[in-house]
Amino acid sequence: MITICIIEDLLEIQQGLQNILEQDERLEFLKSFSSTEEAVEEIPNLCPDIVVTDINLPGKSGIEAIVELKEVLPETQFIMFTIYEDNDLIFDALKAGASGYILKNTTSEKIVESIIDLYNGGSPMSPIIARKVIASFNAPAPYIDQTVNQLLSKREQEVLELLSKGFLYKEIADKLFISLSTVKRHLNHIYVKLHVQNKTEAVNKLYGRN
């Protein structure tokens, strides 16, 4: 049987998903958790085959849950179960280690099918999510001045590119799993290396704009 844990803070959705899992004899529901903090503490002792997790949770996000659990449970597979169709969240989840991404309006049959597909080595995604992933590969990459990137460390490049997309300092910190003070320190280094005074000038240099 395929053993499964759930991370979902909304009790109604948590119980509904649990009922779906318990009705299929191929699946064994182990336990539900309402927060990343609870899940990270207990799931390593349960060693589930699959963890189904929401993204928006109280405290740490579901993406952070994957990052932390992957370190101790490298064989466990993770599938996002969320309302979010945002491109950045999709790719953040996949980069963190999720192997599947389905939306909460998915039918019961498709949820079960997705879990079994994931267990068998697939990467199940809701159709709209799959289309976004494919579209991202077809989209032309924006011009980035490589001479600028050569001056910056990999982390500084990541900070500057997120800044160029309009993310706030706190959002950058959350996305890169670093502190707010670390983001500000990276920005200070970027300004010095690029000989600029502010974020607008830094972004303009990144994209080769005068």
Protein backbone atom coordinates (compact mmCIF):
# COMPACT_ATOMS: atom_id res chain seq x y z
CA MET A 1 0.00 0.00 0.00
CA ILE A 2 1.04 3.59 -0.63
CA THR A 3 1.44 5.41 2.69
CA ILE A 4 0.44 9.09 2.78
CA CYS A 5 0.59 12.10 5.10
CA ILE A 6 -1.26 15.40 4.62
CA ILE A 7 -0.17 18.94 5.51
CA GLU A 8 -3.25 21.20 5.34
CA ASP A 9 -4.44 23.81 7.84
CA LEU A 10 -8.09 24.01 6.76
CA LEU A 11 -9.88 21.25 8.66
CA GLU A 12 -12.68 20.82 6.11
CA ILE A 13 -10.22 20.28 3.25
CA GLN A 14 -7.98 18.13 5.43
CA GLN A 15 -10.85 15.81 6.35
CA GLY A 16 -12.21 15.74 2.80
CA LEU A 17 -8.83 14.70 1.43
CA GLN A 18 -8.44 12.13 4.18
CA ASN A 19 -11.83 10.60 3.28
CA ILE A 20 -10.81 10.34 -0.37
CA LEU A 21 -7.60 8.51 0.56
CA GLU A 22 -9.27 6.15 3.00
CA GLN A 23 -11.79 5.00 0.41
CA ASP A 24 -9.12 3.54 -1.88
CA GLU A 25 -7.65 0.20 -0.78
CA ARG A 26 -4.35 0.95 -2.54
CA LEU A 27 -3.71 3.89 -0.22
CA GLU A 28 -2.95 4.00 3.50
CA PHE A 29 -3.56 7.32 5.22
CA LEU A 30 -1.13 7.84 8.12
CA LYS A 31 -1.72 11.28 9.64
CA SER A 32 -2.68 14.90 8.92
CA PHE A 33 -0.83 18.00 10.10
CA SER A 34 -2.04 21.60 10.28
CA SER A 35 1.36 23.27 10.04
CA THR A 36 4.84 22.79 8.63
CA GLU A 37 6.29 22.91 12.13
CA GLU A 38 4.18 19.94 13.28
CA ALA A 39 4.85 18.02 10.10
CA VAL A 40 8.63 18.48 10.19
CA GLU A 41 8.68 17.19 13.75
CA GLU A 42 6.58 14.06 13.22
CA ILE A 43 6.69 12.98 9.57
CA PRO A 44 10.32 11.72 9.70
CA ASN A 45 9.14 9.09 12.22
CA LEU A 46 6.32 7.98 9.91
CA CYS A 47 8.40 7.73 6.70
CA PRO A 48 5.44 8.05 4.30
CA ASP A 49 5.78 7.25 0.61
CA ILE A 50 4.01 10.49 -0.28
CA VAL A 51 3.26 13.81 1.41
CA VAL A 52 0.37 15.90 0.08
CA THR A 53 0.84 19.52 1.13
CA ASP A 54 -0.77 22.91 0.71
CA ILE A 55 1.45 25.94 0.06
CA ASN A 56 -0.18 28.59 2.25
CA LEU A 57 0.14 27.38 5.82
CA PRO A 58 0.36 29.22 9.16
CA GLY A 59 4.01 29.86 9.92
CA LYS A 60 6.34 28.22 7.43
CA SER A 61 4.96 27.49 3.96
CA GLY A 62 4.41 24.11 2.36
CA ILE A 63 7.40 24.81 0.12
CA GLU A 64 9.57 25.24 3.21
CA ALA A 65 8.15 21.97 4.54
CA ILE A 66 9.42 20.17 1.43
CA VAL A 67 12.87 21.70 1.74
CA GLU A 68 13.21 20.60 5.37
CA LEU A 69 11.67 17.15 4.97
CA LYS A 70 13.64 16.31 1.82
CA GLU A 71 16.83 16.55 3.84
CA VAL A 72 15.78 13.69 6.14
CA LEU A 73 13.40 11.81 3.80
CA PRO A 74 15.04 11.84 0.36
CA GLU A 75 12.90 8.92 -0.86
CA THR A 76 9.57 10.50 0.07
CA GLN A 77 7.65 12.08 -2.82
CA PHE A 78 5.83 15.42 -2.44
CA ILE A 79 2.79 16.70 -4.28
CA MET A 80 1.38 20.21 -3.89
CA PHE A 81 -2.38 20.45 -3.32
CA THR A 82 -3.26 24.14 -3.55
CA ILE A 83 -5.40 26.90 -5.02
CA TYR A 84 -2.40 28.80 -6.35
CA GLU A 85 -1.72 28.98 -10.09
CA ASP A 86 1.04 31.60 -9.77
CA ASN A 87 4.04 30.80 -11.99
CA ASP A 88 6.63 31.68 -9.37
CA LEU A 89 4.99 29.50 -6.72
CA ILE A 90 4.77 26.59 -9.16
CA PHE A 91 8.47 26.75 -9.96
CA ASP A 92 9.46 27.43 -6.35
CA ALA A 93 7.61 24.25 -5.36
CA LEU A 94 9.18 22.18 -8.13
CA LYS A 95 12.66 23.53 -7.34
CA ALA A 96 12.15 22.71 -3.66
CA GLY A 97 11.53 19.07 -4.52
CA ALA A 98 7.84 18.66 -5.32
CA SER A 99 7.23 16.07 -8.05
CA GLY A 100 3.58 16.93 -8.62
CA TYR A 101 1.27 19.97 -8.48
CA ILE A 102 -2.51 19.69 -8.48
CA LEU A 103 -5.21 22.24 -7.75
CA LYS A 104 -7.83 21.90 -5.04
CA ASN A 105 -10.66 21.82 -7.59
CA THR A 106 -9.31 18.49 -8.87
CA THR A 107 -11.86 15.64 -8.74
CA SER A 108 -11.55 12.83 -6.20
CA GLU A 109 -10.74 10.33 -8.94
CA LYS A 110 -7.98 12.54 -10.34
CA ILE A 111 -6.48 13.09 -6.88
CA VAL A 112 -6.16 9.34 -6.34
CA GLU A 113 -4.89 8.86 -9.89
CA SER A 114 -2.29 11.59 -9.37
CA ILE A 115 -1.01 10.03 -6.14
CA ILE A 116 -0.65 6.61 -7.74
CA ASP A 117 1.02 8.16 -10.79
CA LEU A 118 3.47 9.97 -8.50
CA TYR A 119 4.25 6.76 -6.62
CA ASN A 120 4.95 5.00 -9.92
CA GLY A 121 7.46 7.61 -11.02
CA GLY A 122 5.24 10.16 -12.77
CA SER A 123 4.95 13.91 -12.25
CA PRO A 124 1.20 14.60 -12.11
CA MET A 125 0.00 18.15 -12.70
CA SER A 126 -3.36 19.75 -13.23
CA PRO A 127 -3.75 20.63 -16.95
CA ILE A 128 -3.53 24.39 -16.36
CA ILE A 129 -0.31 23.92 -14.36
CA ALA A 130 1.23 21.70 -17.03
CA ARG A 131 0.40 24.34 -19.64
CA LYS A 132 2.13 27.05 -17.58
CA VAL A 133 5.25 24.87 -17.22
CA ILE A 134 5.38 24.22 -20.96
CA ALA A 135 4.76 27.91 -21.75
CA SER A 136 7.67 28.92 -19.55
CA PHE A 137 10.05 26.84 -21.65
CA ASN A 138 8.70 28.38 -24.86
CA ALA A 139 8.92 31.97 -23.64
CA PRO A 140 11.91 34.00 -24.89
CA ALA A 141 14.42 34.71 -22.14
CA PRO A 142 14.88 38.39 -21.27
CA TYR A 143 18.22 39.91 -22.19
CA ILE A 144 20.55 39.95 -19.22
CA ASP A 145 23.93 41.67 -19.32
CA GLN A 146 26.30 38.77 -18.61
CA THR A 147 29.13 41.15 -17.75
CA VAL A 148 27.01 42.33 -14.83
CA ASN A 149 26.37 38.76 -13.69
CA GLN A 150 30.08 38.01 -13.83
CA LEU A 151 30.64 40.69 -11.20
CA LEU A 152 28.09 39.18 -8.82
CA SER A 153 27.96 35.99 -6.80
CA LYS A 154 25.23 33.45 -7.60
CA ARG A 155 23.19 34.55 -4.59
CA GLU A 156 23.58 38.22 -5.50
CA GLN A 157 22.33 37.41 -9.01
CA GLU A 158 19.27 35.69 -7.53
CA VAL A 159 18.53 38.67 -5.26
CA LEU A 160 18.88 41.17 -8.11
CA GLU A 161 16.72 39.16 -10.53
CA LEU A 162 13.94 38.84 -7.92
CA LEU A 163 14.24 42.56 -7.23
CA SER A 164 13.87 43.21 -10.97
CA LYS A 165 10.58 41.25 -10.94
CA GLY A 166 9.13 43.59 -8.32
CA PHE A 167 9.51 41.45 -5.21
CA LEU A 168 9.83 43.24 -1.88
CA TYR A 169 12.84 42.62 0.37
CA LYS A 170 10.79 40.42 2.73
CA GLU A 171 9.42 38.41 -0.20
CA ILE A 172 12.96 37.90 -1.53
CA ALA A 173 14.05 36.70 1.90
CA ASP A 174 11.16 34.21 2.02
CA LYS A 175 11.79 32.92 -1.50
CA LEU A 176 15.51 32.36 -0.94
CA PHE A 177 15.04 31.12 2.64
CA ILE A 178 17.38 33.78 4.03
CA SER A 179 16.91 36.60 6.55
CA LEU A 180 15.87 40.15 5.71
CA SER A 181 19.22 41.45 6.95
CA THR A 182 21.01 39.03 4.60
CA VAL A 183 19.00 40.37 1.65
CA LYS A 184 19.99 43.93 2.56
CA ARG A 185 23.63 42.89 2.90
CA HIS A 186 23.57 41.30 -0.56
CA LEU A 187 22.03 44.47 -1.99
CA ASN A 188 24.75 46.62 -0.47
CA HIS A 189 27.36 44.38 -2.10
CA ILE A 190 25.50 44.59 -5.42
CA TYR A 191 25.43 48.42 -5.31
CA VAL A 192 29.16 48.57 -4.58
CA LYS A 193 30.10 46.06 -7.30
CA LEU A 194 27.93 47.70 -9.95
CA HIS A 195 28.77 51.27 -8.89
CA VAL A 196 25.12 52.23 -8.48
CA GLN A 197 23.19 54.11 -5.80
CA ASN A 198 19.82 52.33 -5.72
CA LYS A 199 17.81 49.31 -6.89
CA THR A 200 16.49 51.04 -10.02
CA GLU A 201 20.02 51.72 -11.26
CA ALA A 202 21.04 48.15 -10.40
CA VAL A 203 18.12 46.63 -12.34
CA ASN A 204 18.81 48.91 -15.31
CA LYS A 205 22.41 47.70 -15.38
CA LEU A 206 21.28 44.07 -15.18
CA TYR A 207 19.17 44.48 -18.34
CA GLY A 208 21.67 46.67 -20.16
CA ARG A 209 19.55 49.82 -19.92
CA ASN A 210 21.18 53.22 -19.57
